[in-house]
Amino acid sequence: MGLTVKSSYALRALYELAIFHKNGIKRVSINELSSKQKIPKDFLEKIFSELREYGIVDSVRGRYGGYALSKEPQDLKLSEVIYILDKPFQSYECVVTGKCETLGSECAVGYIWKKINTILMQELSKITLADLVVLGEKFELMGGNTVEEKINNVDERGS
């Protein structure tokens, strides 16, 4: 099980926006975010439109416009973004209501989905966008060619 492409793109673009923010650049064009993270521009525009509706990002049109974070990176939890875009497991009726449509009661599968959803959202609520930026900085300093190698290097040296 993993994140949807939509959430993955959103987190990557917000990560990039947070790096710009940290470097004193408050507004960034969708073209630049799309290019830096290799995300299809049209899809990213739709994602950011939704994030704007929920107060995660702001936008200004025009020559000096672009997108900016509405919150400080340390105040934005990854769980907020995932919940807004994916509403994890909300398509499973048994997770939402606690009862299986077919069986009329809670079933073992529904119980597991509900438990996974709870654990996922609890873990994501512990991580902020600022934490992601710090981790990205560590990745840049660590050796290794693959994500797994970099994660192992970060874990060995402390996170």
Protein backbone atom coordinates (compact mmCIF):
# COMPACT_ATOMS: atom_id res chain seq x y z
CA MET A 1 0.00 0.00 0.00
CA GLY A 2 1.29 3.46 -0.77
CA LEU A 3 0.27 7.00 -1.43
CA THR A 4 -1.60 7.92 -4.56
CA VAL A 5 0.30 9.64 -7.35
CA LYS A 6 -1.70 12.76 -6.53
CA SER A 7 -0.49 12.84 -2.92
CA SER A 8 3.05 11.94 -3.90
CA TYR A 9 3.17 14.82 -6.39
CA ALA A 10 1.65 17.19 -3.84
CA LEU A 11 4.24 16.32 -1.20
CA ARG A 12 7.09 16.65 -3.70
CA ALA A 13 5.87 20.06 -4.88
CA LEU A 14 5.24 21.28 -1.31
CA TYR A 15 8.71 20.05 -0.37
CA GLU A 16 10.17 22.11 -3.21
CA LEU A 17 8.07 25.12 -2.17
CA ALA A 18 9.34 24.75 1.41
CA ILE A 19 12.96 24.76 0.19
CA PHE A 20 12.31 28.00 -1.70
CA HIS A 21 10.60 29.38 1.42
CA LYS A 22 13.62 28.47 3.56
CA ASN A 23 15.87 30.29 1.08
CA GLY A 24 13.75 33.45 1.32
CA ILE A 25 11.85 32.99 -1.94
CA LYS A 26 8.18 33.26 -1.06
CA ARG A 27 6.45 32.80 -4.44
CA VAL A 28 7.29 30.18 -7.03
CA SER A 29 5.69 29.59 -10.41
CA ILE A 30 3.92 26.35 -11.15
CA ASN A 31 6.28 25.94 -14.11
CA GLU A 32 9.32 25.98 -11.84
CA LEU A 33 7.81 23.56 -9.34
CA SER A 34 6.71 21.28 -12.15
CA SER A 35 10.13 21.37 -13.77
CA LYS A 36 12.15 20.84 -10.57
CA GLN A 37 10.09 17.87 -9.43
CA LYS A 38 9.27 16.49 -12.90
CA ILE A 39 5.52 16.66 -12.31
CA PRO A 40 3.08 17.23 -15.20
CA LYS A 41 2.18 20.93 -15.02
CA ASP A 42 -1.56 20.50 -15.67
CA PHE A 43 -1.87 17.87 -12.95
CA LEU A 44 0.10 20.00 -10.50
CA GLU A 45 -2.18 22.98 -11.21
CA LYS A 46 -5.21 20.85 -10.31
CA ILE A 47 -3.53 19.61 -7.14
CA PHE A 48 -2.53 23.13 -6.06
CA SER A 49 -6.01 24.42 -6.84
CA GLU A 50 -7.39 21.91 -4.35
CA LEU A 51 -4.68 22.72 -1.80
CA ARG A 52 -5.49 26.42 -2.19
CA GLU A 53 -9.15 25.76 -1.39
CA TYR A 54 -8.09 24.16 1.89
CA GLY A 55 -5.64 26.90 2.85
CA ILE A 56 -2.42 24.95 2.33
CA VAL A 57 -1.07 27.25 -0.40
CA ASP A 58 -1.79 30.78 -1.61
CA SER A 59 -1.47 32.02 -5.15
CA VAL A 60 -1.00 35.36 -6.84
CA ARG A 61 -1.52 35.83 -10.57
CA GLY A 62 0.64 37.92 -12.79
CA ARG A 63 4.24 38.49 -13.68
CA TYR A 64 5.49 38.34 -10.09
CA GLY A 65 2.91 35.83 -8.99
CA GLY A 66 3.18 32.21 -8.10
CA TYR A 67 2.45 29.89 -5.24
CA ALA A 68 3.46 30.23 -1.61
CA LEU A 69 2.87 28.20 1.51
CA SER A 70 -0.06 29.48 3.60
CA LYS A 71 1.52 28.05 6.74
CA GLU A 72 5.06 27.83 7.99
CA PRO A 73 6.60 24.46 7.02
CA GLN A 74 6.86 23.45 10.69
CA ASP A 75 3.10 23.97 11.06
CA LEU A 76 2.05 21.81 8.11
CA LYS A 77 1.71 18.12 8.90
CA LEU A 78 1.89 15.62 6.06
CA SER A 79 -1.32 14.03 7.33
CA GLU A 80 -3.22 17.24 6.48
CA VAL A 81 -2.16 17.06 2.85
CA ILE A 82 -2.89 13.34 2.52
CA TYR A 83 -6.29 13.67 4.17
CA ILE A 84 -7.29 16.58 1.92
CA LEU A 85 -6.26 14.90 -1.31
CA ASP A 86 -6.90 11.21 -0.66
CA LYS A 87 -9.15 10.90 2.36
CA PRO A 88 -7.45 7.55 3.01
CA PHE A 89 -9.70 4.53 2.86
CA GLN A 90 -12.84 6.66 2.79
CA SER A 91 -13.97 4.69 -0.25
CA TYR A 92 -14.29 1.64 2.00
CA GLU A 93 -17.72 1.93 3.58
CA CYS A 94 -16.70 -0.32 6.45
CA VAL A 95 -13.91 2.07 7.45
CA VAL A 96 -16.24 5.07 7.47
CA THR A 97 -19.26 3.53 9.18
CA GLY A 98 -17.70 0.58 10.99
CA LYS A 99 -20.18 -1.77 9.32
CA CYS A 100 -19.84 -3.91 6.23
CA GLU A 101 -22.46 -3.08 3.58
CA THR A 102 -22.62 -6.70 2.52
CA LEU A 103 -22.57 -8.42 5.89
CA GLY A 104 -24.26 -5.73 7.94
CA SER A 105 -21.67 -5.89 10.69
CA GLU A 106 -18.00 -5.18 11.18
CA CYS A 107 -15.83 -7.75 9.47
CA ALA A 108 -12.17 -8.67 9.89
CA VAL A 109 -11.16 -6.97 6.64
CA GLY A 110 -12.88 -3.74 7.64
CA TYR A 111 -11.18 -3.88 11.01
CA ILE A 112 -7.75 -4.21 9.36
CA TRP A 113 -8.40 -1.32 6.93
CA LYS A 114 -9.53 0.87 9.80
CA LYS A 115 -6.45 -0.04 11.84
CA ILE A 116 -4.09 0.62 8.90
CA ASN A 117 -5.77 3.97 8.23
CA THR A 118 -5.38 4.99 11.88
CA ILE A 119 -1.70 3.99 12.01
CA LEU A 120 -0.93 5.69 8.69
CA MET A 121 -2.54 8.97 9.70
CA GLN A 122 -0.94 8.88 13.18
CA GLU A 123 2.51 8.44 11.67
CA LEU A 124 1.96 11.12 9.02
CA SER A 125 0.73 13.53 11.71
CA LYS A 126 4.16 13.29 13.37
CA ILE A 127 5.96 14.59 10.28
CA THR A 128 5.91 18.22 9.19
CA LEU A 129 6.97 19.75 5.90
CA ALA A 130 9.96 21.22 7.77
CA ASP A 131 10.95 17.69 8.84
CA LEU A 132 10.85 16.64 5.20
CA VAL A 133 13.17 19.52 4.24
CA VAL A 134 15.64 18.53 6.98
CA LEU A 135 15.54 14.92 5.80
CA GLY A 136 16.14 16.09 2.22
CA GLU A 137 19.19 18.03 3.38
CA LYS A 138 20.51 14.93 5.12
CA PHE A 139 19.94 12.88 1.98
CA GLU A 140 22.04 15.34 -0.01
CA LEU A 141 24.91 14.96 2.46
CA MET A 142 24.73 11.17 2.67
CA GLY A 143 26.33 8.74 0.29
CA GLY A 144 24.45 6.13 -1.65
CA ASN A 145 22.89 5.96 -5.04
CA THR A 146 19.45 4.64 -4.20
CA VAL A 147 16.81 5.87 -1.80
CA GLU A 148 17.26 2.68 0.25
CA GLU A 149 21.01 3.31 0.59
CA LYS A 150 20.41 6.90 1.63
CA ILE A 151 17.77 5.87 4.16
CA ASN A 152 20.16 3.30 5.63
CA ASN A 153 22.90 5.95 5.84
CA VAL A 154 20.58 8.43 7.55
CA ASP A 155 19.34 5.74 9.96
CA GLU A 156 22.89 4.65 10.80
CA ARG A 157 24.04 8.21 11.51
CA GLY A 158 20.85 9.26 13.27
CA SER A 159 17.81 11.07 12.00
